[in-house]
Amino acid sequence: IFTGITPALIVKDPDLIKDILIKDFSKFSNRGFP
């Protein structure tokens, strides 16, 4: 999925969302989050 010309990822699995936002947050903290 693209937002304009920027690729975006949609995650629907609640456990995966939890892992991304809590455990792996330091890897994504400098990225935009809508």
PDB file of N, CA and C in Angstrom:
ATOM      1  N   ILE A   1       0.856  -1.166   0.000  1.00  0.00           N
ATOM      2  CA  ILE A   1       0.000   0.000   0.000  1.00  0.00           C
ATOM      3  C   ILE A   1       0.904   1.231   0.000  1.00  0.00           C
ATOM      4  N   PHE A   2       0.486   2.248  -0.694  1.00  0.00           N
ATOM      5  CA  PHE A   2       1.266   3.475  -0.768  1.00  0.00           C
ATOM      6  C   PHE A   2       0.464   4.649  -0.218  1.00  0.00           C
ATOM      7  N   THR A   3       1.136   5.525   0.511  1.00  0.00           N
ATOM      8  CA  THR A   3       0.552   6.797   0.932  1.00  0.00           C
ATOM      9  C   THR A   3       1.262   7.865   0.112  1.00  0.00           C
ATOM     10  N   GLY A   4       0.627   8.252  -0.959  1.00  0.00           N
ATOM     11  CA  GLY A   4       1.290   9.134  -1.929  1.00  0.00           C
ATOM     12  C   GLY A   4       2.280   8.300  -2.719  1.00  0.00           C
ATOM     13  N   ILE A   5       3.562   8.603  -2.598  1.00  0.00           N
ATOM     14  CA  ILE A   5       4.588   7.795  -3.256  1.00  0.00           C
ATOM     15  C   ILE A   5       5.408   7.004  -2.243  1.00  0.00           C
ATOM     16  N   THR A   6       5.044   7.123  -0.955  1.00  0.00           N
ATOM     17  CA  THR A   6       5.763   6.438   0.113  1.00  0.00           C
ATOM     18  C   THR A   6       5.112   5.095   0.412  1.00  0.00           C
ATOM     19  N   PRO A   7       5.890   4.006   0.406  1.00  0.00           N
ATOM     20  CA  PRO A   7       5.309   2.712   0.747  1.00  0.00           C
ATOM     21  C   PRO A   7       4.892   2.670   2.223  1.00  0.00           C
ATOM     22  N   ALA A   8       3.785   1.995   2.510  1.00  0.00           N
ATOM     23  CA  ALA A   8       3.292   1.861   3.881  1.00  0.00           C
ATOM     24  C   ALA A   8       2.931   0.400   4.131  1.00  0.00           C
ATOM     25  N   LEU A   9       2.957  -0.003   5.373  1.00  0.00           N
ATOM     26  CA  LEU A   9       2.648  -1.375   5.758  1.00  0.00           C
ATOM     27  C   LEU A   9       1.460  -1.359   6.710  1.00  0.00           C
ATOM     28  N   ILE A  10       0.476  -2.218   6.450  1.00  0.00           N
ATOM     29  CA  ILE A  10      -0.684  -2.344   7.330  1.00  0.00           C
ATOM     30  C   ILE A  10      -0.565  -3.673   8.061  1.00  0.00           C
ATOM     31  N   VAL A  11      -0.556  -3.605   9.384  1.00  0.00           N
ATOM     32  CA  VAL A  11      -0.442  -4.799  10.214  1.00  0.00           C
ATOM     33  C   VAL A  11      -1.777  -5.015  10.902  1.00  0.00           C
ATOM     34  N   LYS A  12      -2.355  -6.208  10.738  1.00  0.00           N
ATOM     35  CA  LYS A  12      -3.667  -6.493  11.323  1.00  0.00           C
ATOM     36  C   LYS A  12      -3.601  -7.434  12.521  1.00  0.00           C
ATOM     37  N   ASP A  13      -2.480  -8.112  12.717  1.00  0.00           N
ATOM     38  CA  ASP A  13      -2.344  -9.069  13.811  1.00  0.00           C
ATOM     39  C   ASP A  13      -2.015  -8.326  15.114  1.00  0.00           C
ATOM     40  N   PRO A  14      -2.882  -8.380  16.119  1.00  0.00           N
ATOM     41  CA  PRO A  14      -2.655  -7.637  17.371  1.00  0.00           C
ATOM     42  C   PRO A  14      -1.337  -7.988  18.060  1.00  0.00           C
ATOM     43  N   ASP A  15      -0.949  -9.261  18.034  1.00  0.00           N
ATOM     44  CA  ASP A  15       0.306  -9.649  18.678  1.00  0.00           C
ATOM     45  C   ASP A  15       1.510  -9.058  17.957  1.00  0.00           C
ATOM     46  N   LEU A  16       1.455  -9.016  16.646  1.00  0.00           N
ATOM     47  CA  LEU A  16       2.540  -8.425  15.871  1.00  0.00           C
ATOM     48  C   LEU A  16       2.610  -6.916  16.107  1.00  0.00           C
ATOM     49  N   ILE A  17       1.453  -6.263  16.191  1.00  0.00           N
ATOM     50  CA  ILE A  17       1.420  -4.825  16.490  1.00  0.00           C
ATOM     51  C   ILE A  17       2.060  -4.562  17.851  1.00  0.00           C
ATOM     52  N   LYS A  18       1.740  -5.386  18.831  1.00  0.00           N
ATOM     53  CA  LYS A  18       2.321  -5.233  20.167  1.00  0.00           C
ATOM     54  C   LYS A  18       3.838  -5.392  20.115  1.00  0.00           C
ATOM     55  N   ASP A  19       4.315  -6.396  19.388  1.00  0.00           N
ATOM     56  CA  ASP A  19       5.759  -6.602  19.270  1.00  0.00           C
ATOM     57  C   ASP A  19       6.438  -5.406  18.621  1.00  0.00           C
ATOM     58  N   ILE A  20       5.827  -4.880  17.577  1.00  0.00           N
ATOM     59  CA  ILE A  20       6.425  -3.749  16.860  1.00  0.00           C
ATOM     60  C   ILE A  20       6.454  -2.500  17.731  1.00  0.00           C
ATOM     61  N   LEU A  21       5.331  -2.167  18.368  1.00  0.00           N
ATOM     62  CA  LEU A  21       5.230  -0.910  19.114  1.00  0.00           C
ATOM     63  C   LEU A  21       5.905  -0.943  20.481  1.00  0.00           C
ATOM     64  N   ILE A  22       6.080  -2.137  21.062  1.00  0.00           N
ATOM     65  CA  ILE A  22       6.681  -2.214  22.393  1.00  0.00           C
ATOM     66  C   ILE A  22       8.106  -2.761  22.330  1.00  0.00           C
ATOM     67  N   LYS A  23       8.270  -3.962  21.798  1.00  0.00           N
ATOM     68  CA  LYS A  23       9.584  -4.608  21.815  1.00  0.00           C
ATOM     69  C   LYS A  23      10.551  -4.014  20.802  1.00  0.00           C
ATOM     70  N   ASP A  24      10.074  -3.670  19.614  1.00  0.00           N
ATOM     71  CA  ASP A  24      10.952  -3.188  18.544  1.00  0.00           C
ATOM     72  C   ASP A  24      10.842  -1.684  18.330  1.00  0.00           C
ATOM     73  N   PHE A  25      10.311  -0.955  19.317  1.00  0.00           N
ATOM     74  CA  PHE A  25      10.052   0.475  19.133  1.00  0.00           C
ATOM     75  C   PHE A  25      11.319   1.261  18.809  1.00  0.00           C
ATOM     76  N   SER A  26      12.440   0.899  19.408  1.00  0.00           N
ATOM     77  CA  SER A  26      13.676   1.657  19.180  1.00  0.00           C
ATOM     78  C   SER A  26      14.111   1.613  17.721  1.00  0.00           C
ATOM     79  N   LYS A  27      13.731   0.571  17.006  1.00  0.00           N
ATOM     80  CA  LYS A  27      14.097   0.453  15.591  1.00  0.00           C
ATOM     81  C   LYS A  27      13.217   1.332  14.713  1.00  0.00           C
ATOM     82  N   PHE A  28      12.037   1.726  15.204  1.00  0.00           N
ATOM     83  CA  PHE A  28      11.080   2.479  14.407  1.00  0.00           C
ATOM     84  C   PHE A  28      10.801   3.876  14.956  1.00  0.00           C
ATOM     85  N   SER A  29      11.486   4.289  15.998  1.00  0.00           N
ATOM     86  CA  SER A  29      11.148   5.556  16.654  1.00  0.00           C
ATOM     87  C   SER A  29      11.401   6.779  15.777  1.00  0.00           C
ATOM     88  N   ASN A  30      12.267   6.689  14.795  1.00  0.00           N
ATOM     89  CA  ASN A  30      12.556   7.830  13.933  1.00  0.00           C
ATOM     90  C   ASN A  30      11.721   7.821  12.665  1.00  0.00           C
ATOM     91  N   ARG A  31      10.740   6.956  12.574  1.00  0.00           N
ATOM     92  CA  ARG A  31       9.892   6.849  11.400  1.00  0.00           C
ATOM     93  C   ARG A  31       8.587   7.601  11.636  1.00  0.00           C
ATOM     94  N   GLY A  32       7.929   7.997  10.562  1.00  0.00           N
ATOM     95  CA  GLY A  32       6.629   8.644  10.691  1.00  0.00           C
ATOM     96  C   GLY A  32       5.565   7.633  11.083  1.00  0.00           C
ATOM     97  N   PHE A  33       4.628   8.054  11.894  1.00  0.00           N
ATOM     98  CA  PHE A  33       3.536   7.168  12.315  1.00  0.00           C
ATOM     99  C   PHE A  33       2.246   7.965  12.220  1.00  0.00           C
ATOM    100  N   PRO A  34       1.349   7.548  11.313  1.00  0.00           N
ATOM    101  CA  PRO A  34       0.109   8.328  11.116  1.00  0.00           C
ATOM    102  C   PRO A  34      -0.809   8.315  12.316  1.00  0.00           C
TER     103      PRO A  34
END
